[in-house]
Amino acid sequence: MFLSKYNAWAGFVGGLATGLLVYQIVLWLNGLSLVSRQELERRQTLLAEVQEENRELTEELFRPRVLSEIDYFGGELPYDADADARSDVTSARQKAREKQKFLMVTFGANWCMDCRTLHLNLKSEDVKRYTEGRFDFVNVDVGKFNQNAELAAELGVSLSRGIPVAIFFDPSGAVIGTTNEGQLEPARRYTSKQILKFVRDIAERSVVLAPDQVQVPE
């Protein structure tokens, strides 16, 4: 009697184990896997954050706005035509690695309204509050596209889609990406909130998206 119950119990456990094994194999064959409750909750939280960010960004896209007025005859000039750009970039990359910070190298010019607008948005309170302690910045003057073109090419930066154009390095010094596809070229249309979203995507997700691009959750 005891042996019969033992065999029945052993058969049940064996069948259960076999079933679980087959289930795991089926999941594996279909490219699926079991996830823990903690991982599921993490993914749900991330999805909720992206959805909320997309909602705010969509509202920002359709909000009426007036283009920024840039004073070309006064105020801070972000691009120095007389600077040793190669030395500045080399020094900035070294310092950013030492301080374990992200680095944004922007190629532009003072005559460019988009370049000036981007600079002002990067200096805005909300963006500055986020980037302070996380990012270093260096600007490279391109003149009328006849200055520092060789340096841009060496870094893998293309000026063919207009300026401003930037390259980003992570705290280890590795390249995250560039805006060679023109993500920043229409910077005069962007608000500081959109630029904040832009730098957050770089720091937190290692992706370079246009500031007004709504992200599709994975």
Protein backbone atom coordinates (compact mmCIF):
# COMPACT_ATOMS: atom_id res chain seq x y z
CA MET A 1 0.00 0.00 0.00
CA PHE A 2 2.73 2.40 1.03
CA LEU A 3 4.79 1.50 -2.04
CA SER A 4 1.77 2.10 -4.28
CA LYS A 5 1.21 5.58 -2.82
CA TYR A 6 4.91 6.34 -3.11
CA ASN A 7 4.94 5.31 -6.76
CA ALA A 8 1.85 7.40 -7.46
CA TRP A 9 3.42 10.44 -5.74
CA ALA A 10 6.71 9.92 -7.53
CA GLY A 11 4.86 9.62 -10.82
CA PHE A 12 3.00 12.87 -10.13
CA VAL A 13 6.18 14.77 -9.26
CA GLY A 14 7.99 13.30 -12.24
CA GLY A 15 5.14 14.23 -14.55
CA LEU A 16 5.05 17.76 -13.15
CA ALA A 17 8.81 18.17 -13.62
CA THR A 18 8.58 16.83 -17.16
CA GLY A 19 5.73 19.19 -17.93
CA LEU A 20 7.65 22.18 -16.63
CA LEU A 21 10.68 21.13 -18.66
CA VAL A 22 8.60 20.80 -21.82
CA TYR A 23 7.01 24.21 -21.10
CA GLN A 24 10.43 25.82 -20.75
CA ILE A 25 11.61 24.20 -23.99
CA VAL A 26 8.53 25.46 -25.86
CA LEU A 27 9.14 28.98 -24.53
CA TRP A 28 12.80 28.77 -25.52
CA LEU A 29 11.98 27.54 -29.03
CA ASN A 30 9.62 30.50 -29.47
CA GLY A 31 12.16 33.00 -28.18
CA LEU A 32 10.24 33.52 -24.94
CA SER A 33 11.22 33.22 -21.31
CA LEU A 34 9.68 33.39 -17.86
CA VAL A 35 10.20 36.64 -15.96
CA SER A 36 10.12 37.26 -12.24
CA ARG A 37 7.46 39.38 -10.58
CA GLN A 38 10.11 42.01 -9.87
CA GLU A 39 11.15 42.13 -13.54
CA LEU A 40 7.52 42.35 -14.65
CA GLU A 41 6.89 45.22 -12.24
CA ARG A 42 10.07 46.95 -13.45
CA ARG A 43 8.92 46.68 -17.07
CA GLN A 44 5.44 47.93 -16.19
CA THR A 45 6.94 50.92 -14.36
CA LEU A 46 9.20 51.70 -17.32
CA LEU A 47 6.26 51.45 -19.72
CA ALA A 48 4.22 53.82 -17.55
CA GLU A 49 7.10 56.31 -17.45
CA VAL A 50 7.55 56.24 -21.23
CA GLN A 51 3.80 56.62 -21.79
CA GLU A 52 3.67 59.62 -19.45
CA GLU A 53 6.71 61.18 -21.11
CA ASN A 54 5.13 60.65 -24.53
CA ARG A 55 1.88 62.25 -23.33
CA GLU A 56 3.73 65.34 -22.09
CA LEU A 57 5.80 65.49 -25.26
CA THR A 58 2.70 65.21 -27.48
CA GLU A 59 1.08 68.09 -25.59
CA GLU A 60 4.26 70.09 -26.09
CA LEU A 61 4.24 69.39 -29.83
CA PHE A 62 0.76 70.83 -30.32
CA ARG A 63 1.07 73.75 -27.92
CA PRO A 64 1.10 77.13 -29.72
CA ARG A 65 4.44 78.87 -29.35
CA VAL A 66 6.41 81.83 -30.60
CA LEU A 67 9.87 81.21 -32.03
CA SER A 68 12.68 82.36 -29.77
CA GLU A 69 14.02 85.86 -30.37
CA ILE A 70 17.81 85.77 -30.48
CA ASP A 71 19.81 88.95 -29.95
CA TYR A 72 22.69 88.69 -32.39
CA PHE A 73 24.22 91.95 -31.23
CA GLY A 74 24.51 91.29 -27.53
CA GLY A 75 24.56 88.63 -24.86
CA GLU A 76 26.69 85.52 -24.66
CA LEU A 77 28.35 84.26 -27.84
CA PRO A 78 28.63 80.47 -27.46
CA TYR A 79 31.06 79.89 -30.36
CA ASP A 80 34.62 81.21 -30.32
CA ALA A 81 36.13 81.48 -33.80
CA ASP A 82 39.61 81.99 -32.34
CA ALA A 83 39.59 78.96 -30.04
CA ASP A 84 41.90 75.99 -30.53
CA ALA A 85 39.01 73.59 -31.12
CA ARG A 86 41.13 70.45 -31.34
CA SER A 87 42.81 71.20 -28.02
CA ASP A 88 39.48 72.12 -26.40
CA VAL A 89 37.83 68.86 -27.48
CA THR A 90 40.80 66.73 -26.43
CA SER A 91 40.90 68.40 -23.02
CA ALA A 92 37.13 68.14 -22.58
CA ARG A 93 37.12 64.43 -23.40
CA GLN A 94 39.87 63.76 -20.87
CA LYS A 95 38.19 65.78 -18.12
CA ALA A 96 34.81 64.16 -18.76
CA ARG A 97 36.34 60.69 -18.41
CA GLU A 98 38.13 61.68 -15.21
CA LYS A 99 34.91 63.10 -13.73
CA GLN A 100 32.79 60.23 -15.12
CA LYS A 101 30.47 62.59 -16.97
CA PHE A 102 28.76 62.59 -20.34
CA LEU A 103 30.20 64.95 -22.93
CA MET A 104 28.34 66.85 -25.65
CA VAL A 105 30.49 68.38 -28.39
CA THR A 106 28.42 70.74 -30.56
CA PHE A 107 29.49 72.12 -33.92
CA GLY A 108 27.81 75.42 -34.79
CA ALA A 109 28.24 79.14 -35.30
CA ASN A 110 27.08 82.41 -33.75
CA TRP A 111 25.28 83.48 -36.95
CA CYS A 112 23.08 80.37 -36.73
CA MET A 113 19.74 81.01 -35.00
CA ASP A 114 19.24 77.30 -34.34
CA CYS A 115 22.69 77.06 -32.72
CA ARG A 116 22.01 80.03 -30.46
CA THR A 117 18.57 78.71 -29.50
CA LEU A 118 19.98 75.28 -28.64
CA HIS A 119 22.63 76.92 -26.46
CA LEU A 120 20.01 78.96 -24.58
CA ASN A 121 17.83 75.89 -24.02
CA LEU A 122 20.81 73.93 -22.68
CA LYS A 123 21.37 76.82 -20.24
CA SER A 124 17.71 76.93 -19.15
CA GLU A 125 16.94 76.18 -15.52
CA ASP A 126 15.22 72.82 -16.02
CA VAL A 127 17.90 71.47 -18.37
CA LYS A 128 20.75 72.87 -16.29
CA ARG A 129 19.29 71.29 -13.16
CA TYR A 130 19.40 67.87 -14.87
CA THR A 131 22.74 68.15 -16.68
CA GLU A 132 24.70 69.70 -13.82
CA GLY A 133 26.93 66.96 -12.46
CA ARG A 134 26.06 64.66 -15.39
CA PHE A 135 27.22 66.49 -18.52
CA ASP A 136 30.11 68.58 -19.77
CA PHE A 137 29.74 70.70 -22.90
CA VAL A 138 32.11 72.10 -25.48
CA ASN A 139 31.24 74.17 -28.56
CA VAL A 140 33.21 74.13 -31.82
CA ASP A 141 32.88 77.02 -34.27
CA VAL A 142 32.47 76.05 -37.94
CA GLY A 143 32.38 79.59 -39.34
CA LYS A 144 30.71 79.48 -42.74
CA PHE A 145 31.31 75.71 -42.80
CA ASN A 146 34.99 76.38 -43.51
CA GLN A 147 36.37 75.98 -39.99
CA ASN A 148 37.15 72.79 -38.07
CA ALA A 149 35.63 70.61 -40.79
CA GLU A 150 38.59 68.26 -40.53
CA LEU A 151 38.05 67.86 -36.77
CA ALA A 152 34.36 67.12 -37.35
CA ALA A 153 35.23 64.45 -39.92
CA GLU A 154 37.76 62.84 -37.57
CA LEU A 155 35.07 62.53 -34.91
CA GLY A 156 32.56 61.10 -37.37
CA VAL A 157 30.43 64.25 -37.37
CA SER A 158 28.81 65.29 -40.66
CA LEU A 159 27.92 68.91 -41.43
CA SER A 160 25.92 67.96 -44.52
CA ARG A 161 22.54 68.13 -42.74
CA GLY A 162 23.19 71.58 -41.32
CA ILE A 163 24.06 72.89 -37.87
CA PRO A 164 23.96 72.58 -34.95
CA VAL A 165 25.24 69.02 -35.02
CA ALA A 166 26.62 67.19 -32.01
CA ILE A 167 28.42 64.07 -30.89
CA PHE A 168 27.98 62.47 -27.47
CA PHE A 169 30.41 60.48 -25.33
CA ASP A 170 29.51 58.36 -22.31
CA PRO A 171 31.43 58.63 -19.00
CA SER A 172 33.93 56.03 -20.18
CA GLY A 173 34.70 58.06 -23.29
CA ALA A 174 32.89 55.78 -25.74
CA VAL A 175 30.76 57.36 -28.46
CA ILE A 176 27.02 57.13 -27.84
CA GLY A 177 26.00 58.69 -31.14
CA THR A 178 25.68 61.83 -33.22
CA THR A 179 22.93 64.04 -34.64
CA ASN A 180 24.19 63.51 -38.19
CA GLU A 181 20.61 62.86 -39.32
CA GLY A 182 19.65 66.47 -38.53
CA GLN A 183 17.98 65.86 -35.16
CA LEU A 184 19.13 69.26 -33.84
CA GLU A 185 19.16 71.30 -37.05
CA PRO A 186 15.68 72.83 -36.45
CA ALA A 187 16.60 73.71 -32.85
CA ARG A 188 14.78 77.04 -32.99
CA ARG A 189 11.50 75.07 -32.91
CA TYR A 190 12.38 73.16 -29.75
CA THR A 191 11.47 74.14 -26.21
CA SER A 192 13.60 73.61 -23.12
CA LYS A 193 11.30 70.73 -22.10
CA GLN A 194 12.03 68.97 -25.39
CA ILE A 195 15.76 69.54 -25.00
CA LEU A 196 15.50 68.12 -21.47
CA LYS A 197 13.88 64.99 -22.92
CA PHE A 198 16.67 64.87 -25.52
CA VAL A 199 19.53 64.85 -22.97
CA ARG A 200 17.67 62.41 -20.71
CA ASP A 201 17.35 59.95 -23.60
CA ILE A 202 21.12 60.15 -24.04
CA ALA A 203 22.03 59.78 -20.37
CA GLU A 204 19.40 57.21 -19.35
CA ARG A 205 18.83 55.22 -22.54
CA SER A 206 21.98 55.80 -24.62
CA VAL A 207 19.89 56.82 -27.64
CA VAL A 208 20.04 60.01 -29.72
CA LEU A 209 16.47 60.86 -30.72
CA ALA A 210 15.11 64.10 -32.13
CA PRO A 211 13.85 66.24 -29.23
CA ASP A 212 10.30 66.15 -30.63
CA GLN A 213 10.29 62.43 -31.41
CA VAL A 214 7.70 60.43 -29.49
CA GLN A 215 9.23 57.16 -28.34
CA VAL A 216 7.42 53.88 -28.97
CA PRO A 217 7.53 51.68 -25.83
CA GLU A 218 9.15 48.28 -26.32
